[in-house]
Amino acid sequence: MNGPWLATLMTVVLCWVVSAVPIRVKDGDTFIARMPVWIGLEVTETVRVLGVDTPERKGATLQAAEQAKRFTERWLVVENGPVLVRACKRDSFGRILGRVTRQRLTEASAVDDLAEALVRAGHGASAKER
């Protein structure tokens, strides 16, 4: 009974999309956000952006890491549109692993993806999703 359909079914069943209100950016590919999980109930979670790796905030990559962090801070500004996190699992640090997108306010059918934006801007390298 195991097969490729099982992985697809589990992805559909076990993944969720939630709106997120960013609180603080830790680095270019990680931020902390409040997320509603039920009426009147919110959780604060750390989100690791899937699809991109940004420079680490140490040593020779510190300056590039700070630029990636500032880019992510600007991208996550709520006035740019609601932020959505499509999450399927957590990593070994307990962070939610998710695709981070937002609806473009100027075009109703267009969606921006944070990982793709970081790569296009030269602040990160495309990464295989874990």
C-alpha atoms as a PDB file:
ATOM      1  CA  MET A   1       0.000   0.000   0.000  1.00  0.00           C
ATOM      2  CA  ASN A   2       2.980   2.311   0.254  1.00  0.00           C
ATOM      3  CA  GLY A   3       3.738   4.390  -2.777  1.00  0.00           C
ATOM      4  CA  PRO A   4       4.205   7.954  -4.024  1.00  0.00           C
ATOM      5  CA  TRP A   5       0.502   8.644  -3.449  1.00  0.00           C
ATOM      6  CA  LEU A   6       0.989   8.089   0.306  1.00  0.00           C
ATOM      7  CA  ALA A   7       3.580  10.895   0.557  1.00  0.00           C
ATOM      8  CA  THR A   8       1.264  13.187  -1.405  1.00  0.00           C
ATOM      9  CA  LEU A   9      -1.681  12.307   0.823  1.00  0.00           C
ATOM     10  CA  MET A  10       0.358  12.947   3.974  1.00  0.00           C
ATOM     11  CA  THR A  11       1.505  16.302   2.606  1.00  0.00           C
ATOM     12  CA  VAL A  12      -2.081  17.340   1.927  1.00  0.00           C
ATOM     13  CA  VAL A  13      -3.319  16.111   5.298  1.00  0.00           C
ATOM     14  CA  LEU A  14      -0.431  17.243   7.473  1.00  0.00           C
ATOM     15  CA  CYS A  15       0.325  20.652   5.940  1.00  0.00           C
ATOM     16  CA  TRP A  16      -1.462  23.844   6.826  1.00  0.00           C
ATOM     17  CA  VAL A  17      -1.509  27.481   5.721  1.00  0.00           C
ATOM     18  CA  VAL A  18      -1.736  30.152   8.375  1.00  0.00           C
ATOM     19  CA  SER A  19      -1.495  33.924   8.369  1.00  0.00           C
ATOM     20  CA  ALA A  20       1.474  35.289  10.279  1.00  0.00           C
ATOM     21  CA  VAL A  21       2.182  38.618  11.922  1.00  0.00           C
ATOM     22  CA  PRO A  22       5.964  38.997  11.978  1.00  0.00           C
ATOM     23  CA  ILE A  23       7.391  40.160  15.310  1.00  0.00           C
ATOM     24  CA  ARG A  24      11.140  39.970  14.782  1.00  0.00           C
ATOM     25  CA  VAL A  25      13.559  38.794  12.104  1.00  0.00           C
ATOM     26  CA  LYS A  26      16.403  36.657  13.473  1.00  0.00           C
ATOM     27  CA  ASP A  27      18.312  36.389  10.196  1.00  0.00           C
ATOM     28  CA  GLY A  28      17.610  36.354   6.467  1.00  0.00           C
ATOM     29  CA  ASP A  29      15.764  33.044   6.498  1.00  0.00           C
ATOM     30  CA  THR A  30      14.315  32.891  10.028  1.00  0.00           C
ATOM     31  CA  PHE A  31      11.745  35.057  11.809  1.00  0.00           C
ATOM     32  CA  ILE A  32       9.412  35.005  14.784  1.00  0.00           C
ATOM     33  CA  ALA A  33       5.691  35.541  14.197  1.00  0.00           C
ATOM     34  CA  ARG A  34       2.311  35.451  15.902  1.00  0.00           C
ATOM     35  CA  MET A  35      -0.108  33.049  14.248  1.00  0.00           C
ATOM     36  CA  PRO A  36      -3.800  32.573  14.946  1.00  0.00           C
ATOM     37  CA  VAL A  37      -4.640  28.911  15.539  1.00  0.00           C
ATOM     38  CA  TRP A  38      -8.238  29.259  16.695  1.00  0.00           C
ATOM     39  CA  ILE A  39     -10.711  32.045  17.375  1.00  0.00           C
ATOM     40  CA  GLY A  40      -9.093  34.285  19.991  1.00  0.00           C
ATOM     41  CA  LEU A  41      -6.036  32.004  20.299  1.00  0.00           C
ATOM     42  CA  GLU A  42      -2.569  32.875  18.953  1.00  0.00           C
ATOM     43  CA  VAL A  43       0.803  31.194  19.211  1.00  0.00           C
ATOM     44  CA  THR A  44       4.244  32.692  18.774  1.00  0.00           C
ATOM     45  CA  GLU A  45       6.465  30.543  16.565  1.00  0.00           C
ATOM     46  CA  THR A  46       9.864  30.678  14.927  1.00  0.00           C
ATOM     47  CA  VAL A  47       9.605  30.139  11.162  1.00  0.00           C
ATOM     48  CA  ARG A  48      12.471  28.869   8.992  1.00  0.00           C
ATOM     49  CA  VAL A  49      11.857  29.897   5.370  1.00  0.00           C
ATOM     50  CA  LEU A  50      11.988  26.910   3.033  1.00  0.00           C
ATOM     51  CA  GLY A  51      13.619  27.160  -0.375  1.00  0.00           C
ATOM     52  CA  VAL A  52      16.533  29.451   0.512  1.00  0.00           C
ATOM     53  CA  ASP A  53      19.728  29.556   2.532  1.00  0.00           C
ATOM     54  CA  THR A  54      21.037  32.961   3.542  1.00  0.00           C
ATOM     55  CA  PRO A  55      24.535  33.729   4.877  1.00  0.00           C
ATOM     56  CA  GLU A  56      25.251  32.997   8.531  1.00  0.00           C
ATOM     57  CA  ARG A  57      25.657  35.910  10.949  1.00  0.00           C
ATOM     58  CA  LYS A  58      29.287  35.227  11.814  1.00  0.00           C
ATOM     59  CA  GLY A  59      32.801  35.639  10.468  1.00  0.00           C
ATOM     60  CA  ALA A  60      33.315  36.528   6.831  1.00  0.00           C
ATOM     61  CA  THR A  61      29.600  36.351   5.977  1.00  0.00           C
ATOM     62  CA  LEU A  62      28.413  38.774   8.683  1.00  0.00           C
ATOM     63  CA  GLN A  63      27.925  41.759   6.353  1.00  0.00           C
ATOM     64  CA  ALA A  64      26.046  39.712   3.745  1.00  0.00           C
ATOM     65  CA  ALA A  65      23.928  38.174   6.525  1.00  0.00           C
ATOM     66  CA  GLU A  66      22.968  41.608   7.843  1.00  0.00           C
ATOM     67  CA  GLN A  67      21.918  42.670   4.333  1.00  0.00           C
ATOM     68  CA  ALA A  68      19.769  39.539   3.983  1.00  0.00           C
ATOM     69  CA  LYS A  69      18.204  40.223   7.391  1.00  0.00           C
ATOM     70  CA  ARG A  70      17.333  43.819   6.425  1.00  0.00           C
ATOM     71  CA  PHE A  71      15.839  42.596   3.128  1.00  0.00           C
ATOM     72  CA  THR A  72      13.633  40.109   4.996  1.00  0.00           C
ATOM     73  CA  GLU A  73      12.578  42.778   7.509  1.00  0.00           C
ATOM     74  CA  ARG A  74      11.421  45.025   4.648  1.00  0.00           C
ATOM     75  CA  TRP A  75       9.698  42.163   2.814  1.00  0.00           C
ATOM     76  CA  LEU A  76       7.743  41.093   5.887  1.00  0.00           C
ATOM     77  CA  VAL A  77       6.268  44.551   6.572  1.00  0.00           C
ATOM     78  CA  VAL A  78       2.540  43.927   6.951  1.00  0.00           C
ATOM     79  CA  GLU A  79       1.636  46.970   4.831  1.00  0.00           C
ATOM     80  CA  ASN A  80       3.072  45.080   1.841  1.00  0.00           C
ATOM     81  CA  GLY A  81       0.305  42.485   2.184  1.00  0.00           C
ATOM     82  CA  PRO A  82      -0.678  39.652   4.502  1.00  0.00           C
ATOM     83  CA  VAL A  83       2.055  37.087   5.162  1.00  0.00           C
ATOM     84  CA  LEU A  84       1.115  33.420   4.813  1.00  0.00           C
ATOM     85  CA  VAL A  85       3.124  30.413   5.979  1.00  0.00           C
ATOM     86  CA  ARG A  86       2.534  27.014   4.361  1.00  0.00           C
ATOM     87  CA  ALA A  87       3.999  24.617   6.892  1.00  0.00           C
ATOM     88  CA  CYS A  88       4.337  20.847   6.929  1.00  0.00           C
ATOM     89  CA  LYS A  89       6.824  20.037   9.658  1.00  0.00           C
ATOM     90  CA  ARG A  90       9.358  21.250  12.203  1.00  0.00           C
ATOM     91  CA  ASP A  91      13.132  21.004  12.128  1.00  0.00           C
ATOM     92  CA  SER A  92      15.422  19.643  14.854  1.00  0.00           C
ATOM     93  CA  PHE A  93      15.429  23.091  16.529  1.00  0.00           C
ATOM     94  CA  GLY A  94      11.624  23.123  16.808  1.00  0.00           C
ATOM     95  CA  ARG A  95      11.193  25.800  14.133  1.00  0.00           C
ATOM     96  CA  ILE A  96       8.280  25.604  11.716  1.00  0.00           C
ATOM     97  CA  LEU A  97       9.577  24.906   8.210  1.00  0.00           C
ATOM     98  CA  GLY A  98       7.423  26.697   5.689  1.00  0.00           C
ATOM     99  CA  ARG A  99       7.026  28.444   2.382  1.00  0.00           C
ATOM    100  CA  VAL A 100       6.423  32.119   3.107  1.00  0.00           C
ATOM    101  CA  THR A 101       4.261  34.064   0.666  1.00  0.00           C
ATOM    102  CA  ARG A 102       2.053  37.108   0.484  1.00  0.00           C
ATOM    103  CA  GLN A 103      -0.645  38.352  -1.841  1.00  0.00           C
ATOM    104  CA  ARG A 104       0.475  41.288  -3.932  1.00  0.00           C
ATOM    105  CA  LEU A 105      -1.725  44.268  -3.124  1.00  0.00           C
ATOM    106  CA  THR A 106      -1.430  45.632  -6.666  1.00  0.00           C
ATOM    107  CA  GLU A 107      -2.418  42.406  -8.453  1.00  0.00           C
ATOM    108  CA  ALA A 108      -5.096  40.214  -6.889  1.00  0.00           C
ATOM    109  CA  SER A 109      -3.899  37.015  -8.579  1.00  0.00           C
ATOM    110  CA  ALA A 110      -0.153  37.547  -7.984  1.00  0.00           C
ATOM    111  CA  VAL A 111       1.721  36.017  -5.056  1.00  0.00           C
ATOM    112  CA  ASP A 112       5.223  36.888  -3.844  1.00  0.00           C
ATOM    113  CA  ASP A 113       7.463  34.200  -2.336  1.00  0.00           C
ATOM    114  CA  LEU A 114      10.101  35.276   0.225  1.00  0.00           C
ATOM    115  CA  ALA A 115      12.616  32.564  -0.727  1.00  0.00           C
ATOM    116  CA  GLU A 116      12.427  33.483  -4.409  1.00  0.00           C
ATOM    117  CA  ALA A 117      12.711  37.193  -3.591  1.00  0.00           C
ATOM    118  CA  LEU A 118      15.840  36.613  -1.474  1.00  0.00           C
ATOM    119  CA  VAL A 119      17.483  34.597  -4.269  1.00  0.00           C
ATOM    120  CA  ARG A 120      16.535  37.161  -6.971  1.00  0.00           C
ATOM    121  CA  ALA A 121      17.973  39.985  -4.839  1.00  0.00           C
ATOM    122  CA  GLY A 122      21.238  38.079  -4.363  1.00  0.00           C
ATOM    123  CA  HIS A 123      20.776  37.625  -0.598  1.00  0.00           C
ATOM    124  CA  GLY A 124      20.498  33.843  -0.594  1.00  0.00           C
ATOM    125  CA  ALA A 125      21.029  30.639  -2.491  1.00  0.00           C
ATOM    126  CA  SER A 126      18.188  28.446  -3.648  1.00  0.00           C
ATOM    127  CA  ALA A 127      17.927  25.429  -1.373  1.00  0.00           C
ATOM    128  CA  LYS A 128      16.219  22.096  -1.701  1.00  0.00           C
ATOM    129  CA  GLU A 129      13.283  21.854   0.673  1.00  0.00           C
ATOM    130  CA  ARG A 130      14.009  19.528   3.597  1.00  0.00           C
END
